[in-house]
């Protein structure tokens, strides 16, 4: 079981648009740096920095095939997290019936923001 600190660190590491795109691609299977260059509009060194960070946090790993580094997911939570982030929720959770301490009052509904 991950500690609270480990869970927070995982969310911090994946919370970047480029890293989310990389992880989404890796849920479809092994990819090489060249594959990432085709759909990410950033430089190869920048892609490598993102891959290195994900690897250092043991979210992904790679193997070498000739001159290519082929990356793949190793952290089993990543596909689940990505699926949750893609979900489209149409409603909010219901408000409470009353205060759990006083057992009185009622949630008034929408608040002004």
PDB file of N, CA and C in Angstrom:
ATOM      1  N   UNK A   1       0.842  -1.184   0.000  1.00  0.00           N
ATOM      2  CA  UNK A   1       0.000   0.000   0.000  1.00  0.00           C
ATOM      3  C   UNK A   1       0.888   1.250   0.000  1.00  0.00           C
ATOM      4  N   UNK A   2       0.546   2.196  -0.833  1.00  0.00           N
ATOM      5  CA  UNK A   2       1.316   3.435  -0.931  1.00  0.00           C
ATOM      6  C   UNK A   2       1.014   4.331   0.259  1.00  0.00           C
ATOM      7  N   UNK A   3       2.055   4.956   0.764  1.00  0.00           N
ATOM      8  CA  UNK A   3       1.863   5.928   1.840  1.00  0.00           C
ATOM      9  C   UNK A   3       1.226   7.186   1.253  1.00  0.00           C
ATOM     10  N   UNK A   4       0.749   8.052   2.108  1.00  0.00           N
ATOM     11  CA  UNK A   4       0.168   9.308   1.653  1.00  0.00           C
ATOM     12  C   UNK A   4       1.195  10.094   0.855  1.00  0.00           C
ATOM     13  N   UNK A   5       2.427  10.148   1.329  1.00  0.00           N
ATOM     14  CA  UNK A   5       3.489  10.859   0.619  1.00  0.00           C
ATOM     15  C   UNK A   5       3.747  10.278  -0.760  1.00  0.00           C
ATOM     16  N   UNK A   6       3.724   8.966  -0.886  1.00  0.00           N
ATOM     17  CA  UNK A   6       3.935   8.315  -2.187  1.00  0.00           C
ATOM     18  C   UNK A   6       2.788   8.614  -3.142  1.00  0.00           C
ATOM     19  N   UNK A   7       1.572   8.653  -2.635  1.00  0.00           N
ATOM     20  CA  UNK A   7       0.419   8.959  -3.486  1.00  0.00           C
ATOM     21  C   UNK A   7       0.492  10.399  -3.987  1.00  0.00           C
ATOM     22  N   UNK A   8       0.867  11.308  -3.084  1.00  0.00           N
ATOM     23  CA  UNK A   8       0.994  12.718  -3.458  1.00  0.00           C
ATOM     24  C   UNK A   8       2.092  12.880  -4.506  1.00  0.00           C
ATOM     25  N   UNK A   9       3.220  12.234  -4.293  1.00  0.00           N
ATOM     26  CA  UNK A   9       4.338  12.330  -5.238  1.00  0.00           C
ATOM     27  C   UNK A   9       3.953  11.778  -6.609  1.00  0.00           C
ATOM     28  N   UNK A  10       3.238  10.663  -6.639  1.00  0.00           N
ATOM     29  CA  UNK A  10       2.787  10.089  -7.915  1.00  0.00           C
ATOM     30  C   UNK A  10       1.921  11.093  -8.669  1.00  0.00           C
ATOM     31  N   UNK A  11       0.967  11.713  -7.978  1.00  0.00           N
ATOM     32  CA  UNK A  11       0.096  12.679  -8.635  1.00  0.00           C
ATOM     33  C   UNK A  11       0.876  13.890  -9.126  1.00  0.00           C
ATOM     34  N   UNK A  12       1.858  14.342  -8.358  1.00  0.00           N
ATOM     35  CA  UNK A  12       2.688  15.474  -8.794  1.00  0.00           C
ATOM     36  C   UNK A  12       3.461  15.127 -10.053  1.00  0.00           C
ATOM     37  N   UNK A  13       4.014  13.929 -10.104  1.00  0.00           N
ATOM     38  CA  UNK A  13       4.837  13.516 -11.241  1.00  0.00           C
ATOM     39  C   UNK A  13       4.002  13.409 -12.517  1.00  0.00           C
ATOM     40  N   UNK A  14       2.815  12.836 -12.432  1.00  0.00           N
ATOM     41  CA  UNK A  14       2.046  12.652 -13.668  1.00  0.00           C
ATOM     42  C   UNK A  14       1.277  13.909 -14.065  1.00  0.00           C
ATOM     43  N   UNK A  15       1.187  14.901 -13.175  1.00  0.00           N
ATOM     44  CA  UNK A  15       0.367  16.099 -13.425  1.00  0.00           C
ATOM     45  C   UNK A  15       1.055  17.086 -14.366  1.00  0.00           C
ATOM     46  N   UNK A  16       1.280  16.665 -15.581  1.00  0.00           N
ATOM     47  CA  UNK A  16       1.862  17.532 -16.622  1.00  0.00           C
ATOM     48  C   UNK A  16       1.268  17.067 -17.953  1.00  0.00           C
ATOM     49  N   UNK A  17       0.851  17.999 -18.805  1.00  0.00           N
ATOM     50  CA  UNK A  17       0.204  17.593 -20.067  1.00  0.00           C
ATOM     51  C   UNK A  17       1.036  16.633 -20.917  1.00  0.00           C
ATOM     52  N   UNK A  18       2.324  16.860 -21.010  1.00  0.00           N
ATOM     53  CA  UNK A  18       3.177  15.984 -21.832  1.00  0.00           C
ATOM     54  C   UNK A  18       3.263  14.599 -21.210  1.00  0.00           C
ATOM     55  N   UNK A  19       3.421  14.534 -19.889  1.00  0.00           N
ATOM     56  CA  UNK A  19       3.543  13.224 -19.246  1.00  0.00           C
ATOM     57  C   UNK A  19       2.224  12.451 -19.312  1.00  0.00           C
ATOM     58  N   UNK A  20       1.107  13.141 -19.218  1.00  0.00           N
ATOM     59  CA  UNK A  20      -0.191  12.460 -19.362  1.00  0.00           C
ATOM     60  C   UNK A  20      -0.310  11.882 -20.771  1.00  0.00           C
ATOM     61  N   UNK A  21       0.079  12.645 -21.790  1.00  0.00           N
ATOM     62  CA  UNK A  21       0.022  12.140 -23.172  1.00  0.00           C
ATOM     63  C   UNK A  21       0.933  10.936 -23.342  1.00  0.00           C
ATOM     64  N   UNK A  22       2.140  11.005 -22.773  1.00  0.00           N
ATOM     65  CA  UNK A  22       3.079   9.880 -22.851  1.00  0.00           C
ATOM     66  C   UNK A  22       2.458   8.643 -22.206  1.00  0.00           C
ATOM     67  N   UNK A  23       1.909   8.809 -21.014  1.00  0.00           N
ATOM     68  CA  UNK A  23       1.320   7.668 -20.304  1.00  0.00           C
ATOM     69  C   UNK A  23       0.108   7.106 -21.044  1.00  0.00           C
ATOM     70  N   UNK A  24      -0.693   7.989 -21.624  1.00  0.00           N
ATOM     71  CA  UNK A  24      -1.841   7.503 -22.403  1.00  0.00           C
ATOM     72  C   UNK A  24      -1.364   6.656 -23.581  1.00  0.00           C
ATOM     73  N   UNK A  25      -0.305   7.099 -24.241  1.00  0.00           N
ATOM     74  CA  UNK A  25       0.240   6.303 -25.361  1.00  0.00           C
ATOM     75  C   UNK A  25       0.774   4.967 -24.878  1.00  0.00           C
ATOM     76  N   UNK A  26       1.419   4.972 -23.717  1.00  0.00           N
ATOM     77  CA  UNK A  26       1.999   3.728 -23.208  1.00  0.00           C
ATOM     78  C   UNK A  26       0.936   2.735 -22.746  1.00  0.00           C
ATOM     79  N   UNK A  27      -0.281   3.210 -22.467  1.00  0.00           N
ATOM     80  CA  UNK A  27      -1.347   2.251 -22.131  1.00  0.00           C
ATOM     81  C   UNK A  27      -1.710   1.411 -23.345  1.00  0.00           C
ATOM     82  N   UNK A  28      -1.344   1.891 -24.542  1.00  0.00           N
ATOM     83  CA  UNK A  28      -1.605   1.152 -25.779  1.00  0.00           C
ATOM     84  C   UNK A  28      -0.477   0.195 -26.135  1.00  0.00           C
ATOM     85  N   UNK A  29       0.617   0.234 -25.378  1.00  0.00           N
ATOM     86  CA  UNK A  29       1.729  -0.673 -25.643  1.00  0.00           C
ATOM     87  C   UNK A  29       3.070   0.042 -25.673  1.00  0.00           C
ATOM     88  N   UNK A  30       4.094  -0.703 -25.970  1.00  0.00           N
ATOM     89  CA  UNK A  30       5.473  -0.214 -25.983  1.00  0.00           C
ATOM     90  C   UNK A  30       5.657   0.870 -27.047  1.00  0.00           C
ATOM     91  N   UNK A  31       6.401   1.912 -26.691  1.00  0.00           N
ATOM     92  CA  UNK A  31       6.699   3.004 -27.618  1.00  0.00           C
ATOM     93  C   UNK A  31       8.170   3.383 -27.493  1.00  0.00           C
ATOM     94  N   UNK A  32       8.734   3.817 -28.620  1.00  0.00           N
ATOM     95  CA  UNK A  32      10.103   4.319 -28.640  1.00  0.00           C
ATOM     96  C   UNK A  32      10.064   5.846 -28.694  1.00  0.00           C
ATOM     97  N   UNK A  33      11.192   6.487 -28.386  1.00  0.00           N
ATOM     98  CA  UNK A  33      11.248   7.951 -28.386  1.00  0.00           C
ATOM     99  C   UNK A  33      10.760   8.489 -29.722  1.00  0.00           C
ATOM    100  N   UNK A  34      11.130   7.863 -30.802  1.00  0.00           N
ATOM    101  CA  UNK A  34      10.717   8.301 -32.142  1.00  0.00           C
ATOM    102  C   UNK A  34       9.186   8.326 -32.259  1.00  0.00           C
ATOM    103  N   UNK A  35       8.518   7.344 -31.625  1.00  0.00           N
ATOM    104  CA  UNK A  35       7.052   7.313 -31.642  1.00  0.00           C
ATOM    105  C   UNK A  35       6.475   8.547 -30.948  1.00  0.00           C
ATOM    106  N   UNK A  36       7.087   8.945 -29.835  1.00  0.00           N
ATOM    107  CA  UNK A  36       6.607  10.112 -29.095  1.00  0.00           C
ATOM    108  C   UNK A  36       6.821  11.394 -29.894  1.00  0.00           C
ATOM    109  N   UNK A  37       7.905  11.462 -30.646  1.00  0.00           N
ATOM    110  CA  UNK A  37       8.196  12.648 -31.457  1.00  0.00           C
ATOM    111  C   UNK A  37       7.112  12.881 -32.503  1.00  0.00           C
ATOM    112  N   UNK A  38       6.466  11.812 -32.947  1.00  0.00           N
ATOM    113  CA  UNK A  38       5.445  11.927 -33.984  1.00  0.00           C
ATOM    114  C   UNK A  38       4.195  12.664 -33.524  1.00  0.00           C
ATOM    115  N   UNK A  39       3.838  12.545 -32.235  1.00  0.00           N
ATOM    116  CA  UNK A  39       2.599  13.191 -31.798  1.00  0.00           C
ATOM    117  C   UNK A  39       2.803  14.293 -30.759  1.00  0.00           C
ATOM    118  N   UNK A  40       3.974  14.370 -30.149  1.00  0.00           N
ATOM    119  CA  UNK A  40       4.269  15.465 -29.221  1.00  0.00           C
ATOM    120  C   UNK A  40       5.019  16.546 -29.990  1.00  0.00           C
ATOM    121  N   UNK A  41       4.627  17.758 -29.825  1.00  0.00           N
ATOM    122  CA  UNK A  41       5.273  18.845 -30.567  1.00  0.00           C
ATOM    123  C   UNK A  41       6.351  19.512 -29.718  1.00  0.00           C
ATOM    124  N   UNK A  42       7.260  18.670 -29.197  1.00  0.00           N
ATOM    125  CA  UNK A  42       8.389  19.166 -28.409  1.00  0.00           C
ATOM    126  C   UNK A  42       9.659  18.460 -28.872  1.00  0.00           C
ATOM    127  N   UNK A  43      10.782  18.980 -28.450  1.00  0.00           N
ATOM    128  CA  UNK A  43      12.061  18.431 -28.901  1.00  0.00           C
ATOM    129  C   UNK A  43      12.338  17.061 -28.284  1.00  0.00           C
ATOM    130  N   UNK A  44      13.181  16.299 -28.945  1.00  0.00           N
ATOM    131  CA  UNK A  44      13.566  14.979 -28.450  1.00  0.00           C
ATOM    132  C   UNK A  44      14.224  15.076 -27.069  1.00  0.00           C
ATOM    133  N   UNK A  45      15.130  16.058 -26.823  1.00  0.00           N
ATOM    134  CA  UNK A  45      15.695  16.165 -25.469  1.00  0.00           C
ATOM    135  C   UNK A  45      14.627  16.427 -24.401  1.00  0.00           C
ATOM    136  N   UNK A  46      13.605  17.219 -24.732  1.00  0.00           N
ATOM    137  CA  UNK A  46      12.525  17.489 -23.786  1.00  0.00           C
ATOM    138  C   UNK A  46      11.721  16.216 -23.519  1.00  0.00           C
ATOM    139  N   UNK A  47      11.445  15.453 -24.559  1.00  0.00           N
ATOM    140  CA  UNK A  47      10.749  14.170 -24.390  1.00  0.00           C
ATOM    141  C   UNK A  47      11.560  13.264 -23.473  1.00  0.00           C
ATOM    142  N   UNK A  48      12.859  13.213 -23.703  1.00  0.00           N
ATOM    143  CA  UNK A  48      13.735  12.367 -22.888  1.00  0.00           C
ATOM    144  C   UNK A  48      13.722  12.779 -21.425  1.00  0.00           C
ATOM    145  N   UNK A  49      13.617  14.083 -21.162  1.00  0.00           N
ATOM    146  CA  UNK A  49      13.539  14.553 -19.768  1.00  0.00           C
ATOM    147  C   UNK A  49      12.269  14.036 -19.093  1.00  0.00           C
ATOM    148  N   UNK A  50      11.158  14.094 -19.807  1.00  0.00           N
ATOM    149  CA  UNK A  50       9.905  13.594 -19.241  1.00  0.00           C
ATOM    150  C   UNK A  50       9.971  12.085 -19.019  1.00  0.00           C
ATOM    151  N   UNK A  51      10.515  11.366 -19.983  1.00  0.00           N
ATOM    152  CA  UNK A  51      10.650   9.917 -19.842  1.00  0.00           C
ATOM    153  C   UNK A  51      11.558   9.569 -18.670  1.00  0.00           C
ATOM    154  N   UNK A  52      12.629  10.320 -18.503  1.00  0.00           N
ATOM    155  CA  UNK A  52      13.568  10.080 -17.410  1.00  0.00           C
ATOM    156  C   UNK A  52      12.894  10.289 -16.057  1.00  0.00           C
ATOM    157  N   UNK A  53      12.106  11.346 -15.927  1.00  0.00           N
ATOM    158  CA  UNK A  53      11.397  11.606 -14.672  1.00  0.00           C
ATOM    159  C   UNK A  53      10.426  10.468 -14.362  1.00  0.00           C
ATOM    160  N   UNK A  54       9.660  10.041 -15.356  1.00  0.00           N
ATOM    161  CA  UNK A  54       8.720   8.939 -15.154  1.00  0.00           C
ATOM    162  C   UNK A  54       9.449   7.649 -14.792  1.00  0.00           C
ATOM    163  N   UNK A  55      10.590   7.449 -15.394  1.00  0.00           N
ATOM    164  CA  UNK A  55      11.373   6.243 -15.094  1.00  0.00           C
ATOM    165  C   UNK A  55      11.972   6.308 -13.696  1.00  0.00           C
ATOM    166  N   UNK A  56      12.487   7.473 -13.314  1.00  0.00           N
ATOM    167  CA  UNK A  56      13.069   7.629 -11.972  1.00  0.00           C
ATOM    168  C   UNK A  56      12.055   7.389 -10.865  1.00  0.00           C
ATOM    169  N   UNK A  57      10.786   7.605 -11.170  1.00  0.00           N
ATOM    170  CA  UNK A  57       9.725   7.360 -10.187  1.00  0.00           C
ATOM    171  C   UNK A  57       9.084   5.982 -10.367  1.00  0.00           C
ATOM    172  N   UNK A  58       9.716   5.155 -11.175  1.00  0.00           N
ATOM    173  CA  UNK A  58       9.297   3.760 -11.395  1.00  0.00           C
ATOM    174  C   UNK A  58       7.866   3.642 -11.924  1.00  0.00           C
ATOM    175  N   UNK A  59       7.493   4.611 -12.751  1.00  0.00           N
ATOM    176  CA  UNK A  59       6.186   4.564 -13.398  1.00  0.00           C
ATOM    177  C   UNK A  59       6.312   3.848 -14.735  1.00  0.00           C
ATOM    178  N   UNK A  60       7.458   4.048 -15.390  1.00  0.00           N
ATOM    179  CA  UNK A  60       7.755   3.384 -16.655  1.00  0.00           C
ATOM    180  C   UNK A  60       9.154   2.795 -16.581  1.00  0.00           C
ATOM    181  N   UNK A  61       9.493   1.979 -17.561  1.00  0.00           N
ATOM    182  CA  UNK A  61      10.855   1.466 -17.722  1.00  0.00           C
ATOM    183  C   UNK A  61      11.088   1.294 -19.222  1.00  0.00           C
ATOM    184  N   UNK A  62      12.267   0.831 -19.576  1.00  0.00           N
ATOM    185  CA  UNK A  62      12.574   0.629 -20.989  1.00  0.00           C
ATOM    186  C   UNK A  62      13.495  -0.565 -21.165  1.00  0.00           C
ATOM    187  N   UNK A  63      13.557  -1.033 -22.395  1.00  0.00           N
ATOM    188  CA  UNK A  63      14.567  -2.018 -22.796  1.00  0.00           C
ATOM    189  C   UNK A  63      15.192  -1.489 -24.075  1.00  0.00           C
ATOM    190  N   UNK A  64      16.372  -1.989 -24.389  1.00  0.00           N
ATOM    191  CA  UNK A  64      17.084  -1.534 -25.579  1.00  0.00           C
ATOM    192  C   UNK A  64      16.957  -2.591 -26.663  1.00  0.00           C
ATOM    193  N   UNK A  65      16.548  -2.134 -27.849  1.00  0.00           N
ATOM    194  CA  UNK A  65      16.431  -2.995 -29.012  1.00  0.00           C
ATOM    195  C   UNK A  65      17.289  -2.359 -30.106  1.00  0.00           C
ATOM    196  N   UNK A  66      18.505  -2.867 -30.251  1.00  0.00           N
ATOM    197  CA  UNK A  66      19.448  -2.244 -31.189  1.00  0.00           C
ATOM    198  C   UNK A  66      19.827  -0.865 -30.682  1.00  0.00           C
ATOM    199  N   UNK A  67      19.476   0.169 -31.449  1.00  0.00           N
ATOM    200  CA  UNK A  67      19.776   1.539 -31.027  1.00  0.00           C
ATOM    201  C   UNK A  67      18.565   2.233 -30.408  1.00  0.00           C
ATOM    202  N   UNK A  68      17.464   1.520 -30.307  1.00  0.00           N
ATOM    203  CA  UNK A  68      16.227   2.117 -29.798  1.00  0.00           C
ATOM    204  C   UNK A  68      15.992   1.797 -28.332  1.00  0.00           C
ATOM    205  N   UNK A  69      15.483   2.790 -27.615  1.00  0.00           N
ATOM    206  CA  UNK A  69      14.991   2.562 -26.264  1.00  0.00           C
ATOM    207  C   UNK A  69      13.476   2.442 -26.378  1.00  0.00           C
ATOM    208  N   UNK A  70      12.965   1.323 -25.929  1.00  0.00           N
ATOM    209  CA  UNK A  70      11.543   1.041 -26.019  1.00  0.00           C
ATOM    210  C   UNK A  70      10.933   1.121 -24.618  1.00  0.00           C
ATOM    211  N   UNK A  71      10.008   2.055 -24.424  1.00  0.00           N
ATOM    212  CA  UNK A  71       9.430   2.339 -23.109  1.00  0.00           C
ATOM    213  C   UNK A  71       8.105   1.616 -22.929  1.00  0.00           C
ATOM    214  N   UNK A  72       7.819   1.269 -21.666  1.00  0.00           N
ATOM    215  CA  UNK A  72       6.576   0.595 -21.322  1.00  0.00           C
ATOM    216  C   UNK A  72       6.187   0.945 -19.888  1.00  0.00           C
ATOM    217  N   UNK A  73       4.894   0.810 -19.582  1.00  0.00           N
ATOM    218  CA  UNK A  73       4.392   1.068 -18.230  1.00  0.00           C
ATOM    219  C   UNK A  73       4.791  -0.049 -17.285  1.00  0.00           C
ATOM    220  N   UNK A  74       5.101   0.308 -16.042  1.00  0.00           N
ATOM    221  CA  UNK A  74       5.332  -0.711 -15.018  1.00  0.00           C
ATOM    222  C   UNK A  74       4.426  -0.507 -13.802  1.00  0.00           C
ATOM    223  N   UNK A  75       3.941   0.696 -13.576  1.00  0.00           N
ATOM    224  CA  UNK A  75       3.079   0.955 -12.419  1.00  0.00           C
ATOM    225  C   UNK A  75       1.637   0.635 -12.798  1.00  0.00           C
ATOM    226  N   UNK A  76       1.045  -0.380 -12.180  1.00  0.00           N
ATOM    227  CA  UNK A  76      -0.281  -0.832 -12.588  1.00  0.00           C
ATOM    228  C   UNK A  76      -1.414   0.149 -12.291  1.00  0.00           C
ATOM    229  N   UNK A  77      -1.176   1.172 -11.499  1.00  0.00           N
ATOM    230  CA  UNK A  77      -2.245   2.126 -11.178  1.00  0.00           C
ATOM    231  C   UNK A  77      -2.480   3.123 -12.313  1.00  0.00           C
ATOM    232  N   UNK A  78      -1.495   3.312 -13.176  1.00  0.00           N
ATOM    233  CA  UNK A  78      -1.567   4.362 -14.192  1.00  0.00           C
ATOM    234  C   UNK A  78      -2.772   4.201 -15.134  1.00  0.00           C
ATOM    235  N   UNK A  79      -3.014   3.037 -15.725  1.00  0.00           N
ATOM    236  CA  UNK A  79      -4.198   2.922 -16.599  1.00  0.00           C
ATOM    237  C   UNK A  79      -5.504   3.261 -15.870  1.00  0.00           C
ATOM    238  N   UNK A  80      -5.608   2.850 -14.603  1.00  0.00           N
ATOM    239  CA  UNK A  80      -6.814   3.159 -13.829  1.00  0.00           C
ATOM    240  C   UNK A  80      -6.952   4.661 -13.609  1.00  0.00           C
ATOM    241  N   UNK A  81      -5.864   5.333 -13.226  1.00  0.00           N
ATOM    242  CA  UNK A  81      -5.904   6.784 -13.016  1.00  0.00           C
ATOM    243  C   UNK A  81      -6.303   7.516 -14.293  1.00  0.00           C
ATOM    244  N   UNK A  82      -5.720   7.115 -15.403  1.00  0.00           N
ATOM    245  CA  UNK A  82      -6.026   7.772 -16.670  1.00  0.00           C
ATOM    246  C   UNK A  82      -7.492   7.581 -17.057  1.00  0.00           C
ATOM    247  N   UNK A  83      -8.034   6.404 -16.802  1.00  0.00           N
ATOM    248  CA  UNK A  83      -9.453   6.152 -17.104  1.00  0.00           C
ATOM    249  C   UNK A  83     -10.356   7.033 -16.244  1.00  0.00           C
ATOM    250  N   UNK A  84     -10.030   7.165 -14.974  1.00  0.00           N
ATOM    251  CA  UNK A  84     -10.825   8.014 -14.086  1.00  0.00           C
ATOM    252  C   UNK A  84     -10.784   9.459 -14.565  1.00  0.00           C
ATOM    253  N   UNK A  85      -9.622   9.933 -14.976  1.00  0.00           N
ATOM    254  CA  UNK A  85      -9.489  11.315 -15.433  1.00  0.00           C
ATOM    255  C   UNK A  85     -10.269  11.577 -16.720  1.00  0.00           C
ATOM    256  N   UNK A  86     -10.525  10.547 -17.499  1.00  0.00           N
ATOM    257  CA  UNK A  86     -11.277  10.702 -18.750  1.00  0.00           C
ATOM    258  C   UNK A  86     -12.788  10.681 -18.542  1.00  0.00           C
ATOM    259  N   UNK A  87     -13.244  10.208 -17.396  1.00  0.00           N
ATOM    260  CA  UNK A  87     -14.682  10.076 -17.161  1.00  0.00           C
ATOM    261  C   UNK A  87     -15.359  11.437 -17.193  1.00  0.00           C
ATOM    262  N   UNK A  88     -16.578  11.432 -17.670  1.00  0.00           N
ATOM    263  CA  UNK A  88     -17.387  12.644 -17.740  1.00  0.00           C
ATOM    264  C   UNK A  88     -18.536  12.507 -16.749  1.00  0.00           C
ATOM    265  N   UNK A  89     -18.460  13.250 -15.666  1.00  0.00           N
ATOM    266  CA  UNK A  89     -19.495  13.202 -14.642  1.00  0.00           C
ATOM    267  C   UNK A  89     -20.502  14.313 -14.917  1.00  0.00           C
ATOM    268  N   UNK A  90     -21.762  13.959 -14.959  1.00  0.00           N
ATOM    269  CA  UNK A  90     -22.802  14.928 -15.302  1.00  0.00           C
ATOM    270  C   UNK A  90     -23.430  15.588 -14.080  1.00  0.00           C
ATOM    271  N   UNK A  91     -23.278  15.002 -12.927  1.00  0.00           N
ATOM    272  CA  UNK A  91     -23.897  15.547 -11.728  1.00  0.00           C
ATOM    273  C   UNK A  91     -22.889  15.596 -10.586  1.00  0.00           C
ATOM    274  N   UNK A  92     -23.136  16.512  -9.656  1.00  0.00           N
ATOM    275  CA  UNK A  92     -22.343  16.593  -8.432  1.00  0.00           C
ATOM    276  C   UNK A  92     -22.882  15.578  -7.430  1.00  0.00           C
ATOM    277  N   UNK A  93     -22.104  15.310  -6.409  1.00  0.00           N
ATOM    278  CA  UNK A  93     -22.593  14.462  -5.325  1.00  0.00           C
ATOM    279  C   UNK A  93     -23.685  15.216  -4.575  1.00  0.00           C
ATOM    280  N   UNK A  94     -24.646  14.526  -4.003  1.00  0.00           N
ATOM    281  CA  UNK A  94     -25.723  15.214  -3.294  1.00  0.00           C
ATOM    282  C   UNK A  94     -25.203  15.880  -2.019  1.00  0.00           C
ATOM    283  N   UNK A  95     -25.835  16.979  -1.646  1.00  0.00           N
ATOM    284  CA  UNK A  95     -25.482  17.664  -0.409  1.00  0.00           C
ATOM    285  C   UNK A  95     -25.950  16.865   0.800  1.00  0.00           C
ATOM    286  N   UNK A  96     -25.420  17.197   1.971  1.00  0.00           N
ATOM    287  CA  UNK A  96     -25.820  16.457   3.183  1.00  0.00           C
ATOM    288  C   UNK A  96     -27.251  16.787   3.600  1.00  0.00           C
ATOM    289  N   UNK A  97     -27.888  15.841   4.257  1.00  0.00           N
ATOM    290  CA  UNK A  97     -29.245  16.047   4.753  1.00  0.00           C
ATOM    291  C   UNK A  97     -29.265  17.016   5.927  1.00  0.00           C
ATOM    292  N   UNK A  98     -28.260  16.886   6.803  1.00  0.00           N
ATOM    293  CA  UNK A  98     -28.177  17.775   7.956  1.00  0.00           C
ATOM    294  C   UNK A  98     -26.741  17.761   8.481  1.00  0.00           C
ATOM    295  N   UNK A  99     -26.497  18.590   9.484  1.00  0.00           N
ATOM    296  CA  UNK A  99     -25.174  18.634  10.111  1.00  0.00           C
ATOM    297  C   UNK A  99     -24.954  17.342  10.889  1.00  0.00           C
ATOM    298  N   UNK A 100     -23.814  16.667  10.707  1.00  0.00           N
ATOM    299  CA  UNK A 100     -23.602  15.403  11.418  1.00  0.00           C
ATOM    300  C   UNK A 100     -23.427  15.581  12.927  1.00  0.00           C
ATOM    301  N   UNK A 101     -23.124  16.801  13.366  1.00  0.00           N
ATOM    302  CA  UNK A 101     -22.910  17.035  14.793  1.00  0.00           C
ATOM    303  C   UNK A 101     -24.217  17.415  15.489  1.00  0.00           C
ATOM    304  N   UNK A 102     -24.882  18.457  14.979  1.00  0.00           N
ATOM    305  CA  UNK A 102     -26.096  18.947  15.637  1.00  0.00           C
ATOM    306  C   UNK A 102     -27.350  18.206  15.202  1.00  0.00           C
ATOM    307  N   UNK A 103     -27.257  17.511  14.069  1.00  0.00           N
ATOM    308  CA  UNK A 103     -28.408  16.806  13.479  1.00  0.00           C
ATOM    309  C   UNK A 103     -29.521  17.790  13.096  1.00  0.00           C
ATOM    310  N   UNK A 104     -29.148  19.048  12.874  1.00  0.00           N
ATOM    311  CA  UNK A 104     -30.106  20.071  12.479  1.00  0.00           C
ATOM    312  C   UNK A 104     -29.633  20.715  11.191  1.00  0.00           C
ATOM    313  N   UNK A 105     -30.445  21.558  10.670  1.00  0.00           N
ATOM    314  CA  UNK A 105     -30.070  22.299   9.479  1.00  0.00           C
ATOM    315  C   UNK A 105     -30.166  21.447   8.241  1.00  0.00           C
ATOM    316  N   UNK A 106     -30.043  22.115   7.128  1.00  0.00           N
ATOM    317  CA  UNK A 106     -30.112  21.418   5.851  1.00  0.00           C
ATOM    318  C   UNK A 106     -29.249  22.180   4.870  1.00  0.00           C
ATOM    319  N   UNK A 107     -28.570  21.470   4.026  1.00  0.00           N
ATOM    320  CA  UNK A 107     -27.746  22.097   2.993  1.00  0.00           C
ATOM    321  C   UNK A 107     -28.662  22.888   2.085  1.00  0.00           C
ATOM    322  N   UNK A 108     -28.385  24.189   1.886  1.00  0.00           N
ATOM    323  CA  UNK A 108     -29.291  25.033   1.128  1.00  0.00           C
ATOM    324  C   UNK A 108     -29.251  24.846  -0.383  1.00  0.00           C
ATOM    325  N   UNK A 109     -28.339  24.119  -0.893  1.00  0.00           N
ATOM    326  CA  UNK A 109     -28.245  23.949  -2.340  1.00  0.00           C
ATOM    327  C   UNK A 109     -27.093  24.770  -2.912  1.00  0.00           C
ATOM    328  N   UNK A 110     -27.274  25.248  -4.117  1.00  0.00           N
ATOM    329  CA  UNK A 110     -26.200  25.996  -4.786  1.00  0.00           C
ATOM    330  C   UNK A 110     -25.796  27.235  -3.992  1.00  0.00           C
ATOM    331  N   UNK A 111     -24.521  27.444  -3.919  1.00  0.00           N
ATOM    332  CA  UNK A 111     -23.970  28.640  -3.276  1.00  0.00           C
ATOM    333  C   UNK A 111     -23.517  29.601  -4.350  1.00  0.00           C
ATOM    334  N   UNK A 112     -23.533  30.873  -4.014  1.00  0.00           N
ATOM    335  CA  UNK A 112     -22.970  31.868  -4.938  1.00  0.00           C
ATOM    336  C   UNK A 112     -21.453  31.730  -4.908  1.00  0.00           C
ATOM    337  N   UNK A 113     -20.853  31.889  -6.057  1.00  0.00           N
ATOM    338  CA  UNK A 113     -19.387  31.773  -6.137  1.00  0.00           C
ATOM    339  C   UNK A 113     -18.793  33.074  -6.527  1.00  0.00           C
TER     340      UNK A 113
END
